[in-house]
Protein backbone atom coordinates (compact mmCIF):
# COMPACT_ATOMS: atom_id res chain seq x y z
CA UNK A 1 -31.47 82.94 16.12
CA UNK A 2 -32.46 86.47 16.98
CA UNK A 3 -29.73 89.11 16.67
CA UNK A 4 -28.91 91.06 19.99
CA UNK A 5 -28.88 94.56 19.30
CA UNK A 6 -27.28 97.31 21.35
CA UNK A 7 -29.32 100.40 22.19
CA UNK A 8 -28.31 103.97 22.47
CA UNK A 9 -27.71 105.25 25.98
CA UNK A 10 -29.22 108.63 24.98
CA UNK A 11 -32.20 107.08 23.61
CA UNK A 12 -33.04 103.38 24.72
CA UNK A 13 -35.74 103.20 21.95
CA UNK A 14 -33.16 103.49 19.23
CA UNK A 15 -30.80 100.90 17.72
CA UNK A 16 -27.12 101.53 17.70
CA UNK A 17 -26.48 101.41 14.02
CA UNK A 18 -22.62 100.99 14.10
CA UNK A 19 -23.14 97.97 16.24
CA UNK A 20 -25.79 96.52 13.91
CA UNK A 21 -23.60 97.15 10.91
CA UNK A 22 -20.61 95.46 12.51
CA UNK A 23 -22.58 92.29 12.89
CA UNK A 24 -24.30 92.40 9.41
CA UNK A 25 -22.92 94.92 6.82
CA UNK A 26 -26.15 94.26 4.72
CA UNK A 27 -28.56 95.09 7.38
CA UNK A 28 -29.43 98.51 6.01
CA UNK A 29 -29.45 97.36 2.39
CA UNK A 30 -32.30 94.97 1.54
CA UNK A 31 -31.29 94.61 -1.92
CA UNK A 32 -27.97 93.12 -0.85
CA UNK A 33 -29.65 90.77 1.55
CA UNK A 34 -32.12 89.47 -1.02
CA UNK A 35 -29.27 89.03 -3.55
CA UNK A 36 -27.31 86.94 -1.17
CA UNK A 37 -30.35 84.73 -0.60
CA UNK A 38 -30.95 84.32 -4.39
CA UNK A 39 -27.30 83.36 -5.03
CA UNK A 40 -27.57 80.68 -2.22
CA UNK A 41 -30.70 79.32 -3.91
CA UNK A 42 -29.13 79.24 -7.30
CA UNK A 43 -26.13 77.22 -6.06
CA UNK A 44 -28.37 74.65 -4.43
CA UNK A 45 -30.26 74.37 -7.69
CA UNK A 46 -26.88 73.68 -9.61
CA UNK A 47 -25.79 71.03 -6.99
CA UNK A 48 -29.17 69.29 -7.42
CA UNK A 49 -28.77 69.11 -11.17
CA UNK A 50 -25.21 67.59 -10.97
CA UNK A 51 -26.51 64.72 -8.68
CA UNK A 52 -27.48 62.63 -11.55
CA UNK A 53 -30.16 59.90 -11.71
CA UNK A 54 -29.29 57.82 -8.76
CA UNK A 55 -32.25 56.82 -6.66
CA UNK A 56 -30.78 58.52 -3.60
CA UNK A 57 -30.24 61.84 -5.22
CA UNK A 58 -33.31 61.96 -7.22
CA UNK A 59 -36.35 62.10 -5.07
CA UNK A 60 -38.11 65.32 -4.49
CA UNK A 61 -38.22 66.58 -0.98
CA UNK A 62 -41.81 67.08 -1.26
CA UNK A 63 -42.71 63.75 -2.75
CA UNK A 64 -45.92 62.33 -1.71
CA UNK A 65 -46.27 58.72 -0.69
CA UNK A 66 -49.77 58.04 -1.77
CA UNK A 67 -51.84 61.32 -1.55
CA UNK A 68 -54.23 62.00 -4.24
CA UNK A 69 -53.51 64.75 -6.59
CA UNK A 70 -55.41 68.04 -6.60
CA UNK A 71 -54.70 68.38 -10.34
CA UNK A 72 -56.61 66.40 -13.04
CA UNK A 73 -55.83 62.77 -13.37
CA UNK A 74 -52.72 61.99 -15.57
CA UNK A 75 -53.60 60.84 -19.00
CA UNK A 76 -52.20 57.33 -18.43
CA UNK A 77 -54.28 54.19 -19.61
CA UNK A 78 -55.69 51.88 -17.07
CA UNK A 79 -53.58 49.01 -15.79
CA UNK A 80 -56.33 46.36 -16.56
CA UNK A 81 -55.15 43.53 -18.77
CA UNK A 82 -51.57 43.68 -17.87
CA UNK A 83 -51.66 40.18 -16.27
CA UNK A 84 -52.78 38.66 -19.50
CA UNK A 85 -50.76 37.88 -22.75
CA UNK A 86 -51.32 40.85 -25.17
CA UNK A 87 -54.24 39.73 -27.39
CA UNK A 88 -52.29 40.17 -30.68
CA UNK A 89 -48.98 38.75 -29.55
CA UNK A 90 -47.58 36.47 -32.11
CA UNK A 91 -46.01 33.02 -31.39
CA UNK A 92 -43.38 32.79 -28.61
CA UNK A 93 -40.11 33.25 -30.07
CA UNK A 94 -38.41 35.01 -26.99
CA UNK A 95 -34.81 34.61 -26.85
CA UNK A 96 -34.34 34.26 -30.79
CA UNK A 97 -31.16 35.72 -31.84
CA UNK A 98 -31.45 39.00 -33.66
CA UNK A 99 -29.02 39.87 -36.42
CA UNK A 100 -25.66 40.91 -35.00
CA UNK A 101 -26.40 39.05 -31.62
CA UNK A 102 -26.23 40.90 -28.34
CA UNK A 103 -25.67 40.46 -24.75
CA UNK A 104 -27.31 37.57 -22.88
CA UNK A 105 -28.66 37.18 -19.42
CA UNK A 106 -30.13 34.15 -17.68
CA UNK A 107 -33.95 34.50 -17.49
CA UNK A 108 -35.38 35.37 -14.03
CA UNK A 109 -38.95 35.86 -12.73
CA UNK A 110 -40.42 39.36 -12.14
CA UNK A 111 -40.22 40.23 -8.45
CA UNK A 112 -43.29 39.78 -6.27
CA UNK A 113 -43.93 43.47 -5.77
CA UNK A 114 -47.43 44.92 -5.63
CA UNK A 115 -47.64 48.51 -6.87
CA UNK A 116 -50.60 51.02 -7.31
CA UNK A 117 -51.78 51.97 -10.69
CA UNK A 118 -51.21 55.58 -11.33
CA UNK A 119 -54.45 55.90 -13.07
CA UNK A 120 -56.25 54.35 -9.99
CA UNK A 121 -58.08 51.05 -9.78
CA UNK A 122 -56.76 47.80 -8.19
CA UNK A 123 -53.11 47.54 -7.33
CA UNK A 124 -50.99 45.46 -9.64
CA UNK A 125 -48.88 42.39 -8.61
CA UNK A 126 -45.85 42.82 -10.90
CA UNK A 127 -44.92 39.17 -10.87
CA UNK A 128 -48.26 38.48 -12.54
CA UNK A 129 -47.51 40.64 -15.62
CA UNK A 130 -47.34 38.71 -18.72
CA UNK A 131 -45.53 39.78 -22.04
CA UNK A 132 -44.43 40.34 -24.33
CA UNK A 133 -43.88 43.44 -22.17
CA UNK A 134 -41.48 46.31 -21.75
CA UNK A 135 -41.31 47.63 -18.16
CA UNK A 136 -39.71 51.08 -17.96
CA UNK A 137 -38.61 52.37 -14.64
CA UNK A 138 -38.46 56.21 -14.90
CA UNK A 139 -38.63 59.48 -12.78
CA UNK A 140 -39.33 63.11 -13.74
CA UNK A 141 -35.97 64.15 -12.34
CA UNK A 142 -34.03 61.77 -14.47
CA UNK A 143 -32.73 63.37 -17.56
CA UNK A 144 -32.31 60.12 -19.66
CA UNK A 145 -35.73 59.04 -18.60
CA UNK A 146 -37.25 62.15 -20.01
CA UNK A 147 -35.46 61.62 -23.32
CA UNK A 148 -36.62 58.05 -23.82
CA UNK A 149 -40.24 58.24 -22.55
CA UNK A 150 -41.34 59.60 -25.95
CA UNK A 151 -39.48 56.57 -27.58
CA UNK A 152 -41.53 54.24 -25.43
CA UNK A 153 -44.74 56.04 -26.15
CA UNK A 154 -44.29 55.82 -29.89
CA UNK A 155 -43.39 52.15 -29.62
CA UNK A 156 -46.49 51.56 -27.46
CA UNK A 157 -48.56 52.95 -30.11
CA UNK A 158 -47.08 50.92 -32.86
CA UNK A 159 -47.19 47.88 -30.88
CA UNK A 160 -50.70 48.16 -29.42
CA UNK A 161 -52.19 44.76 -28.89
CA UNK A 162 -48.87 43.10 -29.41
CA UNK A 163 -46.64 44.28 -26.49
CA UNK A 164 -47.47 45.66 -23.10
CA UNK A 165 -45.53 48.76 -22.53
CA UNK A 166 -45.65 49.79 -18.79
CA UNK A 167 -44.02 52.60 -16.96
CA UNK A 168 -42.95 52.46 -13.30
CA UNK A 169 -42.61 56.02 -11.84
CA UNK A 170 -39.99 55.58 -9.26
CA UNK A 171 -39.23 57.81 -6.18
CA UNK A 172 -41.00 60.84 -7.70
CA UNK A 173 -43.51 63.51 -6.82
CA UNK A 174 -46.81 62.61 -8.33
CA UNK A 175 -47.81 65.99 -9.43
CA UNK A 176 -44.32 66.74 -10.96
CA UNK A 177 -44.67 63.34 -12.84
CA UNK A 178 -48.22 64.34 -13.92
CA UNK A 179 -47.00 67.69 -15.42
CA UNK A 180 -44.15 65.82 -17.24
CA UNK A 181 -46.45 63.17 -18.75
CA UNK A 182 -48.95 65.88 -19.95
CA UNK A 183 -46.08 67.81 -21.53
CA UNK A 184 -44.66 64.69 -23.36
CA UNK A 185 -48.00 63.27 -24.14
CA UNK A 186 -47.37 59.80 -22.41
CA UNK A 187 -50.42 57.52 -22.28
CA UNK A 188 -49.24 53.96 -21.60
CA UNK A 189 -50.14 52.31 -18.19
CA UNK A 190 -47.88 53.34 -15.37
CA UNK A 191 -47.42 51.97 -11.92
CA UNK A 192 -46.28 54.27 -8.86
CA UNK A 193 -43.18 53.08 -6.88
CA UNK A 194 -42.66 55.82 -4.45
CA UNK A 195 -40.39 53.52 -2.26
CA UNK A 196 -38.34 52.01 -5.20
CA UNK A 197 -39.41 48.61 -4.36
CA UNK A 198 -39.23 47.26 -7.94
CA UNK A 199 -35.82 49.08 -8.66
CA UNK A 200 -34.28 47.47 -5.48
CA UNK A 201 -35.84 43.95 -6.18
CA UNK A 202 -33.99 44.17 -9.59
CA UNK A 203 -30.65 44.96 -7.72
CA UNK A 204 -30.51 48.41 -9.27
CA UNK A 205 -30.08 51.86 -7.79
CA UNK A 206 -30.08 54.18 -10.73
CA UNK A 207 -32.47 55.10 -13.46
CA UNK A 208 -33.55 54.53 -16.22
CA UNK A 209 -34.05 50.75 -16.17
CA UNK A 210 -36.04 48.62 -18.74
CA UNK A 211 -37.13 44.98 -18.33
CA UNK A 212 -37.88 42.92 -21.35
CA UNK A 213 -40.52 40.40 -20.26
CA UNK A 214 -41.67 37.20 -22.01
CA UNK A 215 -45.28 35.90 -21.91
CA UNK A 216 -44.43 33.38 -18.90
CA UNK A 217 -43.39 36.50 -16.75
CA UNK A 218 -39.74 35.86 -16.99
CA UNK A 219 -37.20 38.80 -17.42
CA UNK A 220 -35.30 38.05 -20.50
CA UNK A 221 -33.13 41.13 -20.42
CA UNK A 222 -32.50 44.02 -18.21
CA UNK A 223 -31.26 47.27 -19.89
CA UNK A 224 -29.68 49.86 -17.75
CA UNK A 225 -27.48 52.16 -19.83
CA UNK A 226 -28.00 55.47 -21.70
CA UNK A 227 -31.39 56.65 -22.99
CA UNK A 228 -32.88 54.09 -25.50
CA UNK A 229 -33.44 55.29 -29.13
CA UNK A 230 -36.19 53.65 -31.31
CA UNK A 231 -33.87 51.49 -33.40
CA UNK A 232 -32.22 50.13 -30.30
CA UNK A 233 -35.46 49.47 -28.60
CA UNK A 234 -36.95 47.62 -31.68
CA UNK A 235 -33.83 45.68 -31.93
CA UNK A 236 -33.80 44.49 -28.43
CA UNK A 237 -37.59 43.67 -28.48
CA UNK A 238 -37.02 41.48 -31.47
CA UNK A 239 -33.89 39.87 -29.96
CA UNK A 240 -35.17 39.05 -26.56
CA UNK A 241 -38.98 38.90 -27.04
CA UNK A 242 -39.24 37.87 -30.77
CA UNK A 243 -41.54 40.81 -31.47
CA UNK A 244 -41.29 42.80 -34.69
CA UNK A 245 -43.58 45.81 -35.09
CA UNK A 246 -44.26 47.97 -38.18
């Protein structure tokens, strides 16, 4: 809205300074006006950080639904082969109890959700993915996700050929996600789920979430707590998928 200014009766071309100052004390001090804007922007940034990793709070306002990035392609591997059992997977011992036991959940099939591969190529039908597989739902705005992504990358390298490690970038800005994976050195295949379809299909609303999937495409365990560390990830992979990696 434009400010209405009172003009001097003696000179109609001049603004009445006292009247302008009564409306806005910072009008003649650009430094104060800029300072007010910066303080307001800083407050908004703090509020955004406190919002946490719920899907409702996490999405970037500039997120792109499907648009191609203008930056070089992210270093993710292709998604070919995710619908086949890993070539070096051992015998199926999914569900075998690991030392110390752990929480149990009834198996359920992967949801029938089709998602684009971040690296390009044909879309992937999630329900067709075959394990042993770890499907990690993450986003660049999620602090626990950022902490555990390197854990999954190291596990993926150690378990290459034995376990599919698959990321699902959820309600995220593609370019911001690409910047993050370059920074962290993430290379495992990743799907893009701007609309959070897989998250909602698993009856979840917050990130991160990890699905432990057996070779028949059944979800043996859903982990949705604090960021996973390497010993915990290895323990759950052994317990729910029967996988032991060096």
